[in-house]
Amino acid sequence: MKSYEAIQRAVAGKTIEHAKRLHKSVPLLHKWMEPSTDFDDSGSYNPLDRIETIIETSLSLGCHPDDAVAPIQYLAERFSLIVISVPKTNGKMEDLSKELLKTISEFGDLSKEASKSMRNGTISMSEAKRIEKEAWELIRQVSVFIQKVNLVAASRG
């Protein structure tokens, strides 16, 4: 999917309403929903293009990938979604074994945090946030493990 296509899908024909909320002109929103890859295109650099540039620049300047994609992570958390990086693997069983151990460790971290928080019969907001953080980390790790299982299986044919 291209950035302008994502904007089109999100706006879903309600350009005026979105323009009002964004305090931008309707023609500008229309420009965001058109290609802008070369001088012949009539589209305009849209907010998704800007975020992409921030991430690419951060990576090129040596920023850690997890920090570079923080804007995406923020949006995912804001809308109760998770972001999972596609793992790099050589398709070896040793990698899969290490990933399984990391998954078990993440489950242990979640169990520890939840158990500690439930000892007194109540869960505070700060405890709930720590449990939620550990739970999301486990979900991400399980997803990475599943992806690696599929990569290892695919490398075997």
N, C-alpha and C. Protein backbone atom coordinates (compact mmCIF):
# COMPACT_ATOMS: atom_id res chain seq x y z
N MET A 1 0.85 -1.18 0.00
CA MET A 1 0.00 0.00 0.00
C MET A 1 0.89 1.24 0.00
N LYS A 2 0.49 2.22 -0.71
CA LYS A 2 1.20 3.51 -0.76
C LYS A 2 0.61 4.43 0.30
N SER A 3 1.38 5.44 0.70
CA SER A 3 0.92 6.35 1.76
C SER A 3 -0.37 7.06 1.37
N TYR A 4 -0.45 7.49 0.11
CA TYR A 4 -1.67 8.20 -0.31
C TYR A 4 -2.88 7.29 -0.30
N GLU A 5 -2.65 5.98 -0.57
CA GLU A 5 -3.76 5.02 -0.52
C GLU A 5 -4.24 4.81 0.91
N ALA A 6 -3.30 4.81 1.85
CA ALA A 6 -3.68 4.69 3.26
C ALA A 6 -4.51 5.90 3.71
N ILE A 7 -4.10 7.09 3.26
CA ILE A 7 -4.88 8.30 3.59
C ILE A 7 -6.27 8.20 2.97
N GLN A 8 -6.35 7.76 1.73
CA GLN A 8 -7.65 7.59 1.07
C GLN A 8 -8.56 6.69 1.89
N ARG A 9 -8.02 5.55 2.31
CA ARG A 9 -8.82 4.59 3.08
C ARG A 9 -9.30 5.19 4.39
N ALA A 10 -8.42 5.92 5.07
CA ALA A 10 -8.79 6.50 6.36
C ALA A 10 -9.81 7.62 6.22
N VAL A 11 -9.64 8.45 5.21
CA VAL A 11 -10.57 9.57 4.99
C VAL A 11 -11.92 9.04 4.52
N ALA A 12 -11.90 8.00 3.72
CA ALA A 12 -13.12 7.29 3.29
C ALA A 12 -14.21 8.21 2.75
N GLY A 13 -13.81 9.18 1.93
CA GLY A 13 -14.80 10.04 1.29
C GLY A 13 -15.32 11.18 2.16
N LYS A 14 -14.88 11.26 3.39
CA LYS A 14 -15.35 12.31 4.30
C LYS A 14 -14.28 13.41 4.42
N THR A 15 -13.89 13.93 3.28
CA THR A 15 -12.79 14.90 3.19
C THR A 15 -13.10 16.18 3.96
N ILE A 16 -14.28 16.69 3.83
CA ILE A 16 -14.64 17.96 4.49
C ILE A 16 -14.53 17.82 6.01
N GLU A 17 -15.08 16.73 6.55
CA GLU A 17 -15.03 16.51 7.99
C GLU A 17 -13.59 16.41 8.49
N HIS A 18 -12.77 15.67 7.75
CA HIS A 18 -11.36 15.52 8.13
C HIS A 18 -10.62 16.85 8.01
N ALA A 19 -10.88 17.59 6.97
CA ALA A 19 -10.22 18.89 6.78
C ALA A 19 -10.55 19.83 7.94
N LYS A 20 -11.80 19.82 8.36
CA LYS A 20 -12.20 20.67 9.49
C LYS A 20 -11.46 20.28 10.76
N ARG A 21 -11.40 18.98 11.05
CA ARG A 21 -10.73 18.51 12.27
C ARG A 21 -9.23 18.79 12.24
N LEU A 22 -8.65 18.73 11.06
CA LEU A 22 -7.21 18.95 10.90
C LEU A 22 -6.85 20.43 10.73
N HIS A 23 -7.87 21.27 10.55
CA HIS A 23 -7.65 22.69 10.27
C HIS A 23 -6.81 22.86 9.01
N LYS A 24 -7.14 22.06 8.00
CA LYS A 24 -6.46 22.11 6.70
C LYS A 24 -7.52 22.29 5.62
N SER A 25 -7.09 22.69 4.45
CA SER A 25 -8.05 22.90 3.36
C SER A 25 -8.43 21.56 2.72
N VAL A 26 -9.62 21.53 2.18
CA VAL A 26 -10.10 20.33 1.46
C VAL A 26 -9.17 20.02 0.28
N PRO A 27 -8.75 21.03 -0.51
CA PRO A 27 -7.83 20.71 -1.61
C PRO A 27 -6.52 20.06 -1.14
N LEU A 28 -6.02 20.49 0.03
CA LEU A 28 -4.79 19.88 0.53
C LEU A 28 -5.03 18.39 0.85
N LEU A 29 -6.15 18.09 1.48
CA LEU A 29 -6.45 16.69 1.77
C LEU A 29 -6.57 15.88 0.48
N HIS A 30 -7.17 16.47 -0.54
CA HIS A 30 -7.25 15.79 -1.83
C HIS A 30 -5.84 15.53 -2.39
N LYS A 31 -4.94 16.50 -2.22
CA LYS A 31 -3.55 16.33 -2.68
C LYS A 31 -2.86 15.19 -1.93
N TRP A 32 -3.15 15.06 -0.61
CA TRP A 32 -2.56 13.98 0.18
C TRP A 32 -3.01 12.61 -0.30
N MET A 33 -4.16 12.57 -0.96
CA MET A 33 -4.72 11.29 -1.41
C MET A 33 -4.37 10.97 -2.86
N GLU A 34 -3.37 11.67 -3.39
CA GLU A 34 -2.91 11.44 -4.77
C GLU A 34 -1.42 11.10 -4.74
N PRO A 35 -0.94 10.36 -5.74
CA PRO A 35 0.50 10.04 -5.79
C PRO A 35 1.33 11.30 -5.91
N SER A 36 2.54 11.25 -5.32
CA SER A 36 3.46 12.38 -5.43
C SER A 36 4.89 11.86 -5.61
N THR A 37 5.05 10.95 -6.54
CA THR A 37 6.36 10.32 -6.72
C THR A 37 7.26 11.07 -7.69
N ASP A 38 6.67 11.85 -8.60
CA ASP A 38 7.52 12.62 -9.52
C ASP A 38 6.84 13.93 -9.88
N PHE A 39 7.44 14.68 -10.77
CA PHE A 39 6.94 16.02 -11.11
C PHE A 39 5.61 16.00 -11.87
N ASP A 40 5.28 14.89 -12.49
CA ASP A 40 4.02 14.79 -13.23
C ASP A 40 2.82 14.56 -12.33
N ASP A 41 3.06 14.05 -11.12
CA ASP A 41 1.96 13.76 -10.19
C ASP A 41 1.45 15.05 -9.57
N SER A 42 0.17 15.05 -9.24
CA SER A 42 -0.42 16.25 -8.64
C SER A 42 -0.52 16.16 -7.13
N GLY A 43 -0.11 15.01 -6.55
CA GLY A 43 -0.22 14.83 -5.12
C GLY A 43 0.77 15.65 -4.33
N SER A 44 0.61 15.60 -3.01
CA SER A 44 1.47 16.36 -2.11
C SER A 44 2.01 15.44 -1.03
N TYR A 45 3.19 15.79 -0.53
CA TYR A 45 3.84 15.08 0.56
C TYR A 45 2.87 15.07 1.74
N ASN A 46 2.43 13.88 2.18
CA ASN A 46 1.41 13.80 3.22
C ASN A 46 2.03 13.46 4.57
N PRO A 47 1.24 13.48 5.65
CA PRO A 47 1.78 13.21 6.99
C PRO A 47 2.47 11.85 7.10
N LEU A 48 1.98 10.83 6.41
CA LEU A 48 2.63 9.52 6.46
C LEU A 48 4.00 9.57 5.80
N ASP A 49 4.11 10.32 4.71
CA ASP A 49 5.41 10.49 4.06
C ASP A 49 6.40 11.16 5.02
N ARG A 50 5.91 12.11 5.79
CA ARG A 50 6.77 12.84 6.73
C ARG A 50 7.27 11.91 7.84
N ILE A 51 6.37 11.08 8.37
CA ILE A 51 6.78 10.12 9.40
C ILE A 51 7.79 9.13 8.83
N GLU A 52 7.55 8.69 7.60
CA GLU A 52 8.49 7.78 6.95
C GLU A 52 9.87 8.43 6.83
N THR A 53 9.92 9.70 6.47
CA THR A 53 11.18 10.42 6.34
C THR A 53 11.89 10.54 7.70
N ILE A 54 11.12 10.80 8.75
CA ILE A 54 11.69 10.88 10.10
C ILE A 54 12.33 9.54 10.46
N ILE A 55 11.64 8.45 10.22
CA ILE A 55 12.16 7.11 10.56
C ILE A 55 13.40 6.79 9.73
N GLU A 56 13.33 7.01 8.42
CA GLU A 56 14.49 6.73 7.56
C GLU A 56 15.70 7.57 7.96
N THR A 57 15.47 8.85 8.29
CA THR A 57 16.56 9.73 8.71
C THR A 57 17.16 9.24 10.02
N SER A 58 16.30 8.88 10.97
CA SER A 58 16.78 8.37 12.25
C SER A 58 17.65 7.13 12.06
N LEU A 59 17.19 6.21 11.21
CA LEU A 59 17.96 4.99 10.95
C LEU A 59 19.30 5.32 10.29
N SER A 60 19.27 6.24 9.32
CA SER A 60 20.51 6.59 8.62
C SER A 60 21.51 7.31 9.53
N LEU A 61 21.00 7.91 10.61
CA LEU A 61 21.87 8.59 11.57
C LEU A 61 22.32 7.66 12.70
N GLY A 62 21.97 6.38 12.57
CA GLY A 62 22.42 5.38 13.54
C GLY A 62 21.53 5.18 14.74
N CYS A 63 20.34 5.72 14.69
CA CYS A 63 19.38 5.54 15.78
C CYS A 63 18.99 4.05 15.86
N HIS A 64 18.79 3.54 17.06
CA HIS A 64 18.35 2.15 17.23
C HIS A 64 16.98 1.99 16.54
N PRO A 65 16.78 0.90 15.82
CA PRO A 65 15.50 0.72 15.10
C PRO A 65 14.27 0.86 15.98
N ASP A 66 14.32 0.36 17.22
CA ASP A 66 13.17 0.50 18.12
C ASP A 66 12.85 1.97 18.41
N ASP A 67 13.90 2.79 18.51
CA ASP A 67 13.70 4.22 18.75
C ASP A 67 13.23 4.93 17.49
N ALA A 68 13.77 4.53 16.35
CA ALA A 68 13.40 5.16 15.08
C ALA A 68 11.92 4.98 14.77
N VAL A 69 11.38 3.82 15.11
CA VAL A 69 9.96 3.56 14.80
C VAL A 69 9.03 3.95 15.95
N ALA A 70 9.54 4.71 16.91
CA ALA A 70 8.72 5.16 18.04
C ALA A 70 7.42 5.85 17.61
N PRO A 71 7.42 6.65 16.52
CA PRO A 71 6.13 7.25 16.10
C PRO A 71 5.08 6.19 15.74
N ILE A 72 5.52 5.12 15.10
CA ILE A 72 4.60 4.04 14.75
C ILE A 72 4.14 3.34 16.02
N GLN A 73 5.09 3.09 16.92
CA GLN A 73 4.75 2.44 18.19
C GLN A 73 3.75 3.27 18.98
N TYR A 74 3.96 4.59 19.00
CA TYR A 74 3.03 5.49 19.70
C TYR A 74 1.62 5.34 19.13
N LEU A 75 1.51 5.40 17.81
CA LEU A 75 0.18 5.30 17.19
C LEU A 75 -0.46 3.94 17.44
N ALA A 76 0.35 2.89 17.38
CA ALA A 76 -0.18 1.55 17.64
C ALA A 76 -0.73 1.46 19.06
N GLU A 77 0.05 1.92 20.03
CA GLU A 77 -0.41 1.88 21.42
C GLU A 77 -1.63 2.77 21.62
N ARG A 78 -1.64 3.92 20.98
CA ARG A 78 -2.77 4.86 21.10
C ARG A 78 -4.08 4.24 20.64
N PHE A 79 -4.00 3.35 19.63
CA PHE A 79 -5.21 2.74 19.09
C PHE A 79 -5.29 1.24 19.39
N SER A 80 -4.62 0.82 20.48
CA SER A 80 -4.67 -0.56 20.98
C SER A 80 -4.27 -1.60 19.93
N LEU A 81 -3.19 -1.30 19.23
CA LEU A 81 -2.64 -2.23 18.25
C LEU A 81 -1.23 -2.59 18.69
N ILE A 82 -0.66 -3.61 18.06
CA ILE A 82 0.73 -3.92 18.35
C ILE A 82 1.53 -3.88 17.06
N VAL A 83 2.79 -3.51 17.20
CA VAL A 83 3.72 -3.47 16.07
C VAL A 83 4.72 -4.59 16.28
N ILE A 84 4.90 -5.39 15.27
CA ILE A 84 5.83 -6.52 15.37
C ILE A 84 6.83 -6.41 14.24
N SER A 85 8.09 -6.34 14.59
CA SER A 85 9.14 -6.30 13.58
C SER A 85 9.26 -7.66 12.92
N VAL A 86 9.54 -7.65 11.63
CA VAL A 86 9.79 -8.91 10.93
C VAL A 86 11.20 -9.34 11.30
N PRO A 87 11.33 -10.52 11.90
CA PRO A 87 12.65 -10.93 12.38
C PRO A 87 13.59 -11.31 11.25
N LYS A 88 14.87 -11.10 11.52
CA LYS A 88 15.89 -11.56 10.58
C LYS A 88 16.40 -12.88 11.14
N THR A 89 16.41 -13.88 10.32
CA THR A 89 16.88 -15.18 10.77
C THR A 89 17.57 -15.89 9.62
N ASN A 90 18.44 -16.78 9.99
CA ASN A 90 19.11 -17.57 8.97
C ASN A 90 18.38 -18.90 8.74
N GLY A 91 17.24 -19.06 9.39
CA GLY A 91 16.43 -20.26 9.18
C GLY A 91 16.99 -21.49 9.87
N LYS A 92 17.76 -21.29 10.95
CA LYS A 92 18.35 -22.42 11.67
C LYS A 92 17.53 -22.74 12.93
N MET A 93 17.53 -24.00 13.28
CA MET A 93 16.80 -24.43 14.46
C MET A 93 17.34 -23.79 15.74
N GLU A 94 18.65 -23.47 15.78
CA GLU A 94 19.21 -22.84 16.98
C GLU A 94 18.53 -21.50 17.25
N ASP A 95 18.27 -20.74 16.17
CA ASP A 95 17.57 -19.46 16.32
C ASP A 95 16.19 -19.67 16.90
N LEU A 96 15.53 -20.70 16.43
CA LEU A 96 14.18 -21.00 16.89
C LEU A 96 14.20 -21.38 18.37
N SER A 97 15.17 -22.16 18.78
CA SER A 97 15.29 -22.55 20.19
C SER A 97 15.51 -21.32 21.07
N LYS A 98 16.39 -20.41 20.63
CA LYS A 98 16.64 -19.18 21.39
C LYS A 98 15.36 -18.35 21.49
N GLU A 99 14.61 -18.29 20.40
CA GLU A 99 13.37 -17.50 20.38
C GLU A 99 12.34 -18.10 21.32
N LEU A 100 12.28 -19.42 21.38
CA LEU A 100 11.36 -20.09 22.30
C LEU A 100 11.72 -19.76 23.75
N LEU A 101 13.01 -19.77 24.06
CA LEU A 101 13.44 -19.42 25.42
C LEU A 101 13.09 -17.98 25.76
N LYS A 102 13.23 -17.06 24.79
CA LYS A 102 12.84 -15.67 25.02
C LYS A 102 11.34 -15.57 25.28
N THR A 103 10.56 -16.36 24.54
CA THR A 103 9.10 -16.35 24.72
C THR A 103 8.72 -16.85 26.11
N ILE A 104 9.36 -17.92 26.55
CA ILE A 104 9.09 -18.46 27.88
C ILE A 104 9.49 -17.43 28.94
N SER A 105 10.61 -16.76 28.75
CA SER A 105 11.06 -15.73 29.68
C SER A 105 10.06 -14.58 29.76
N GLU A 106 9.54 -14.15 28.61
CA GLU A 106 8.54 -13.07 28.60
C GLU A 106 7.28 -13.50 29.34
N PHE A 107 6.88 -14.76 29.18
CA PHE A 107 5.71 -15.26 29.91
C PHE A 107 5.99 -15.23 31.42
N GLY A 108 7.21 -15.60 31.79
CA GLY A 108 7.60 -15.55 33.20
C GLY A 108 7.55 -14.13 33.74
N ASP A 109 8.02 -13.16 32.95
CA ASP A 109 7.99 -11.75 33.37
C ASP A 109 6.55 -11.29 33.61
N LEU A 110 5.65 -11.68 32.71
CA LEU A 110 4.24 -11.31 32.87
C LEU A 110 3.66 -11.97 34.12
N SER A 111 3.93 -13.24 34.29
CA SER A 111 3.41 -13.96 35.45
C SER A 111 3.90 -13.34 36.75
N LYS A 112 5.20 -13.00 36.81
CA LYS A 112 5.79 -12.39 38.00
C LYS A 112 5.12 -11.07 38.33
N GLU A 113 4.97 -10.22 37.29
CA GLU A 113 4.38 -8.90 37.51
C GLU A 113 2.93 -9.01 37.96
N ALA A 114 2.18 -9.89 37.33
CA ALA A 114 0.76 -10.06 37.69
C ALA A 114 0.63 -10.62 39.10
N SER A 115 1.44 -11.61 39.42
CA SER A 115 1.39 -12.24 40.74
C SER A 115 1.73 -11.23 41.84
N LYS A 116 2.78 -10.46 41.61
CA LYS A 116 3.21 -9.43 42.58
C LYS A 116 2.09 -8.41 42.80
N SER A 117 1.42 -8.02 41.72
CA SER A 117 0.38 -7.00 41.80
C SER A 117 -0.88 -7.51 42.49
N MET A 118 -1.17 -8.80 42.37
CA MET A 118 -2.42 -9.35 42.91
C MET A 118 -2.31 -9.81 44.37
N ARG A 119 -1.13 -9.75 44.94
CA ARG A 119 -0.91 -10.26 46.32
C ARG A 119 -1.84 -9.64 47.34
N ASN A 120 -2.07 -8.35 47.23
CA ASN A 120 -2.89 -7.67 48.26
C ASN A 120 -4.38 -7.65 47.91
N GLY A 121 -4.76 -8.33 46.86
CA GLY A 121 -6.18 -8.42 46.51
C GLY A 121 -6.71 -7.29 45.66
N THR A 122 -5.87 -6.32 45.32
CA THR A 122 -6.28 -5.22 44.44
C THR A 122 -5.15 -4.96 43.44
N ILE A 123 -5.49 -4.25 42.40
CA ILE A 123 -4.48 -3.86 41.41
C ILE A 123 -4.60 -2.36 41.20
N SER A 124 -3.51 -1.65 41.46
CA SER A 124 -3.49 -0.20 41.27
C SER A 124 -3.32 0.12 39.78
N MET A 125 -3.52 1.38 39.43
CA MET A 125 -3.34 1.78 38.02
C MET A 125 -1.90 1.60 37.58
N SER A 126 -0.95 1.91 38.43
CA SER A 126 0.46 1.74 38.05
C SER A 126 0.80 0.26 37.86
N GLU A 127 0.23 -0.59 38.73
CA GLU A 127 0.44 -2.03 38.58
C GLU A 127 -0.21 -2.53 37.29
N ALA A 128 -1.40 -2.03 37.00
CA ALA A 128 -2.10 -2.44 35.77
C ALA A 128 -1.28 -2.05 34.55
N LYS A 129 -0.66 -0.88 34.60
CA LYS A 129 0.18 -0.43 33.46
C LYS A 129 1.40 -1.34 33.30
N ARG A 130 2.01 -1.75 34.42
CA ARG A 130 3.17 -2.66 34.33
C ARG A 130 2.75 -4.02 33.79
N ILE A 131 1.59 -4.52 34.24
CA ILE A 131 1.08 -5.80 33.73
C ILE A 131 0.80 -5.68 32.23
N GLU A 132 0.15 -4.58 31.84
CA GLU A 132 -0.16 -4.37 30.43
C GLU A 132 1.12 -4.32 29.59
N LYS A 133 2.13 -3.63 30.09
CA LYS A 133 3.40 -3.54 29.37
C LYS A 133 4.00 -4.93 29.17
N GLU A 134 4.04 -5.73 30.22
CA GLU A 134 4.58 -7.09 30.12
C GLU A 134 3.73 -7.95 29.19
N ALA A 135 2.41 -7.78 29.24
CA ALA A 135 1.53 -8.58 28.38
C ALA A 135 1.76 -8.25 26.91
N TRP A 136 1.91 -6.95 26.58
CA TRP A 136 2.16 -6.58 25.18
C TRP A 136 3.52 -7.11 24.72
N GLU A 137 4.50 -7.08 25.61
CA GLU A 137 5.81 -7.63 25.25
C GLU A 137 5.72 -9.13 24.97
N LEU A 138 4.92 -9.84 25.77
CA LEU A 138 4.72 -11.27 25.52
C LEU A 138 4.02 -11.50 24.19
N ILE A 139 2.99 -10.72 23.90
CA ILE A 139 2.26 -10.87 22.63
C ILE A 139 3.21 -10.63 21.46
N ARG A 140 4.02 -9.59 21.54
CA ARG A 140 5.00 -9.33 20.48
C ARG A 140 5.96 -10.50 20.32
N GLN A 141 6.45 -11.00 21.45
CA GLN A 141 7.42 -12.10 21.41
C GLN A 141 6.80 -13.37 20.83
N VAL A 142 5.57 -13.67 21.20
CA VAL A 142 4.90 -14.85 20.65
C VAL A 142 4.75 -14.69 19.13
N SER A 143 4.42 -13.50 18.69
CA SER A 143 4.28 -13.24 17.26
C SER A 143 5.61 -13.42 16.53
N VAL A 144 6.70 -12.93 17.13
CA VAL A 144 8.02 -13.11 16.53
C VAL A 144 8.36 -14.60 16.47
N PHE A 145 8.06 -15.33 17.53
CA PHE A 145 8.33 -16.77 17.55
C PHE A 145 7.58 -17.46 16.42
N ILE A 146 6.31 -17.14 16.26
CA ILE A 146 5.51 -17.75 15.18
C ILE A 146 6.11 -17.43 13.82
N GLN A 147 6.52 -16.17 13.61
CA GLN A 147 7.13 -15.79 12.34
C GLN A 147 8.40 -16.59 12.09
N LYS A 148 9.21 -16.76 13.12
CA LYS A 148 10.46 -17.51 12.95
C LYS A 148 10.19 -18.99 12.69
N VAL A 149 9.17 -19.54 13.34
CA VAL A 149 8.79 -20.93 13.05
C VAL A 149 8.49 -21.07 11.57
N ASN A 150 7.71 -20.14 11.04
CA ASN A 150 7.35 -20.18 9.62
C ASN A 150 8.57 -19.99 8.71
N LEU A 151 9.50 -19.11 9.11
CA LEU A 151 10.71 -18.91 8.32
C LEU A 151 11.58 -20.16 8.31
N VAL A 152 11.71 -20.81 9.46
CA VAL A 152 12.51 -22.03 9.53
C VAL A 152 11.86 -23.12 8.68
N ALA A 153 10.53 -23.25 8.81
CA ALA A 153 9.82 -24.27 8.02
C ALA A 153 9.94 -23.98 6.53
N ALA A 154 9.85 -22.72 6.13
CA ALA A 154 9.95 -22.36 4.71
C ALA A 154 11.36 -22.64 4.17
N SER A 155 12.37 -22.44 5.02
CA SER A 155 13.74 -22.69 4.56
C SER A 155 14.01 -24.17 4.34
N ARG A 156 13.20 -25.00 4.95
CA ARG A 156 13.34 -26.45 4.82
C ARG A 156 12.59 -26.99 3.60
N GLY A 157 11.68 -26.12 3.08
CA GLY A 157 10.93 -26.50 1.88
C GLY A 157 9.75 -27.26 2.17
